[in-house]
Every structure is written in structure tokens, then in C-alpha cells.
Protein backbone atom coordinates (compact mmCIF):
# COMPACT_ATOMS: atom_id res chain seq x y z
CA MET A 1 61.72 112.99 113.39
CA ILE A 2 63.97 113.36 110.34
CA HIS A 3 67.29 115.00 111.14
CA ASP A 4 68.52 118.00 109.17
CA SER A 5 72.10 116.95 109.91
CA ASP A 6 74.03 113.70 110.16
CA PRO A 7 73.25 112.28 113.61
CA PHE A 8 76.40 110.12 113.44
CA ALA A 9 78.81 112.94 112.53
CA THR A 10 81.55 113.84 114.96
CA PRO A 11 80.46 117.00 116.80
CA GLU A 12 82.37 120.04 115.56
CA SER A 13 83.83 120.69 119.02
CA ALA A 14 85.43 117.20 118.93
CA ARG A 15 86.96 117.59 115.45
CA SER A 16 90.59 118.51 114.87
CA ASN A 17 91.36 122.10 113.97
CA VAL A 18 92.67 120.88 110.60
CA ARG A 19 89.32 119.27 109.84
CA ARG A 20 87.44 122.35 111.04
CA LEU A 21 89.60 124.62 108.84
CA ARG A 22 89.06 122.35 105.82
CA GLY A 23 85.31 122.70 106.39
CA ARG A 24 85.55 126.44 105.85
CA PHE A 25 86.77 126.02 102.28
CA GLY A 26 83.87 125.59 99.88
CA MET A 27 84.93 122.92 97.39
CA THR A 28 83.33 121.73 94.17
CA VAL A 29 82.02 118.19 94.46
CA CYS A 30 83.29 115.95 91.63
CA LEU A 31 82.75 112.33 90.70
CA TRP A 32 85.96 110.52 89.78
CA THR A 33 85.47 107.25 87.89
CA ALA A 34 87.78 104.72 86.29
CA PRO A 35 87.35 101.68 84.05
CA GLY A 36 86.29 98.69 86.07
CA PRO A 37 84.05 100.49 86.86
CA ALA A 38 84.95 102.21 90.12
CA GLY A 39 84.13 105.66 91.43
CA LEU A 40 84.44 108.04 94.35
CA THR A 41 83.04 111.43 95.32
CA VAL A 42 85.98 113.84 95.60
CA SER A 43 85.91 117.42 96.87
CA SER A 44 89.64 118.08 96.66
CA THR A 45 90.11 118.63 92.91
CA LEU A 46 92.35 121.39 91.55
CA VAL A 47 92.96 122.20 87.88
CA ALA A 48 96.09 124.05 86.72
CA ASP A 49 96.50 125.65 83.31
CA GLY A 50 99.45 124.59 81.19
CA ASP A 51 100.35 122.54 78.15
CA PRO A 52 99.06 120.02 78.97
CA GLY A 53 96.61 121.15 81.62
CA ARG A 54 97.08 119.37 84.91
CA LEU A 55 94.79 118.06 87.62
CA LEU A 56 95.48 117.33 91.27
CA GLY A 57 93.25 115.61 93.78
CA ILE A 58 93.35 113.75 97.04
CA VAL A 59 91.63 110.36 97.21
CA ASP A 60 91.36 107.62 99.79
CA ASP A 61 94.00 105.03 98.88
CA GLU A 62 91.79 102.35 100.47
CA SER A 63 88.86 103.16 98.18
CA GLU A 64 87.89 100.92 95.26
CA LEU A 65 88.75 103.82 92.95
CA TRP A 66 92.50 103.91 93.56
CA PRO A 67 93.35 100.35 92.38
CA ALA A 68 91.13 100.90 89.31
CA ILE A 69 93.02 104.12 88.41
CA GLU A 70 96.35 102.42 89.07
CA ARG A 71 95.42 99.49 86.78
CA ALA A 72 93.96 101.59 83.95
CA GLY A 73 96.28 104.60 84.17
CA VAL A 74 93.31 106.83 83.28
CA PHE A 75 90.19 108.21 84.94
CA ALA A 76 87.31 110.62 84.34
CA VAL A 77 86.40 113.64 86.46
CA THR A 78 82.88 115.08 86.36
CA PRO A 79 81.95 118.24 88.30
CA LEU A 80 78.54 117.64 89.87
CA GLY A 81 75.56 119.98 90.14
CA GLU A 82 72.45 120.29 92.30
CA PRO A 83 70.64 117.28 90.76
CA HIS A 84 73.55 115.02 91.77
CA ARG A 85 73.27 115.20 95.58
CA GLN A 86 72.16 111.57 95.99
CA LEU A 87 74.74 110.34 93.47
CA ALA A 88 77.45 112.21 95.42
CA ASP A 89 76.26 110.65 98.70
CA ARG A 90 76.20 107.14 97.20
CA PHE A 91 79.74 107.40 95.86
CA ALA A 92 80.90 108.90 99.16
CA GLY A 93 79.51 105.86 100.98
CA LEU A 94 76.90 107.95 102.81
CA MET A 95 73.84 106.47 101.12
CA PRO A 96 72.90 102.87 100.26
CA ALA A 97 73.65 101.68 96.72
CA PRO A 98 71.40 98.63 96.18
CA GLY A 99 72.89 96.50 93.41
CA GLY A 100 76.12 98.54 93.34
CA LEU A 101 77.21 102.12 92.78
CA PHE A 102 76.61 102.07 89.03
CA LYS A 103 73.07 100.59 89.12
CA GLN A 104 71.06 103.69 90.12
CA GLU A 105 71.77 106.02 87.17
CA SER A 106 72.36 105.71 83.46
CA TRP A 107 75.99 105.96 82.36
CA THR A 108 77.90 106.94 79.24
CA GLN A 109 81.04 104.88 78.69
CA THR A 110 84.28 106.71 77.85
CA PRO A 111 87.85 105.42 77.47
CA PHE A 112 88.57 107.06 80.86
CA GLY A 113 85.68 105.53 82.80
CA PRO A 114 81.90 105.90 82.93
CA ILE A 115 80.31 109.33 83.35
CA PRO A 116 76.71 110.05 84.36
CA ALA A 117 74.46 110.10 81.27
CA GLY A 118 73.60 113.64 80.27
CA THR A 119 76.86 115.03 81.66
CA VAL A 120 77.75 118.22 79.80
CA SER A 121 81.22 118.86 81.25
CA TRP A 122 83.89 116.33 82.16
CA ALA A 123 87.60 115.61 81.76
CA GLY A 124 89.55 112.52 80.79
CA CYS A 125 92.80 112.28 82.74
CA ARG A 126 96.04 110.30 82.45
CA LEU A 127 97.69 109.33 85.73
CA ASP A 128 101.16 110.85 86.02
CA ASP A 129 102.22 110.41 89.64
CA THR A 130 101.01 109.74 93.19
CA ARG A 131 102.33 110.13 96.69
CA PRO A 132 100.99 109.87 100.23
CA PHE A 133 99.58 113.20 101.36
CA GLY A 134 98.15 113.54 104.85
CA TRP A 135 95.77 110.61 105.31
CA GLY A 136 95.12 110.37 101.58
CA LEU A 137 96.86 109.88 98.27
CA LEU A 138 97.76 112.89 96.11
CA ILE A 139 96.96 112.12 92.47
CA GLU A 140 98.74 114.08 89.73
CA ALA A 141 97.34 113.78 86.22
CA SER A 142 97.44 115.34 82.77
CA LEU A 143 94.20 116.48 81.17
CA VAL A 144 93.89 114.46 77.96
CA GLU A 145 90.31 115.20 76.91
CA ILE A 146 87.99 118.00 78.03
CA THR A 147 84.31 118.29 77.16
CA LEU A 148 82.61 121.56 78.10
CA GLY A 149 78.88 122.16 77.88
CA ASP A 150 76.85 125.03 79.24
CA ALA A 151 78.08 126.16 82.64
CA VAL A 152 75.80 125.03 85.46
CA PRO A 153 76.16 126.03 89.13
CA PRO A 154 78.41 123.52 90.88
CA LEU A 155 77.46 121.41 93.86
CA LEU A 156 79.67 122.63 96.70
CA HIS A 157 80.72 120.93 99.92
CA TYR A 158 80.92 123.43 102.77
CA ARG A 159 81.08 122.66 106.50
CA GLY A 160 79.92 119.08 106.01
CA ARG A 161 76.91 119.89 103.83
CA TYR A 162 76.10 120.40 100.18
CA THR A 163 75.18 123.83 98.91
CA THR A 164 75.11 125.62 95.57
CA LEU A 165 75.90 129.08 94.28
CA SER A 166 72.74 131.18 94.36
């Protein structure tokens, strides 16, 4: 029998209230990448208007992404859509990545890091500051380059599962 949920996930009743509250916020799933290449699925991205525009996000400081961002000082952020569910799972470490994370799809190289080929919207970011935040690392960045294509419904992470606006 194929499960419709993660059989290894911590049961909701055993999760902390903080984790359960976080699960009630629908968040856009993004792929953060940096030269190296390195990447990570991130669902804690916030964009603030300003001159320059700013971006905040929380990443795992033990991920391969963080040292790559720290070395390069730049990174790319791509909001993902429905067709990117498997890519999101691979970069979140939830799905096998035979040959490495960047072997399964085609990529377009940018000065900020690779982005999935065919990506219509993405941002190039310059690292400004970091600090420990909860069990993660709060990344503060300036938006240096923004490419906007047609708006597509975002892939959302809600209560431990992916969903889309419909």
C-alpha cells in the first residue's frame, strides 16, 4: 500500500505547539541556490519593499547551502509552482537525488547561482547579514536583480504537505 502521508513524520499530537502553529501558515515554497552549486528548499521567505528591496529567510545553518552563500555573498531565489513538487522534495532531502541535487533537471546559470531551466520569475540577492534565529539562521539580503514572467500559482507548504491555490 502506498501511503498518502509521510509514514516517518512525527505524529501531530507529539509535535511542539510552535511547530503545529507554523504548520497553519501557508507558505510559498522557494528554491534557494548559490554558486558552487548548492541549494535548499525554503518555505520561510519574506520580501519587503524598499530601495533596495529586501529579502529575509530562515535556512538550516548545517545545510550545504549556507557555506556556499557565505563564500559567494550572493544567491538566487526561485518561487516554485505545481510542476516543481519533486524538485522541492529533492532539495529538502525528502527524495533521493541520484548523482546529486543538480543532475535531475536542466539549469540556467546566473551570477547568483543556478535556477531551474524555464524559470520565469526569480531574484538575485546579495547577502547583507545573518544571525541565529530559533533553530535556524536568519538571512538578510538586498534584491539586486529581479526577473518577472507571467504569474503562475505558487506551490504552497501547508500542514506538512504541498498544495496550490485553486
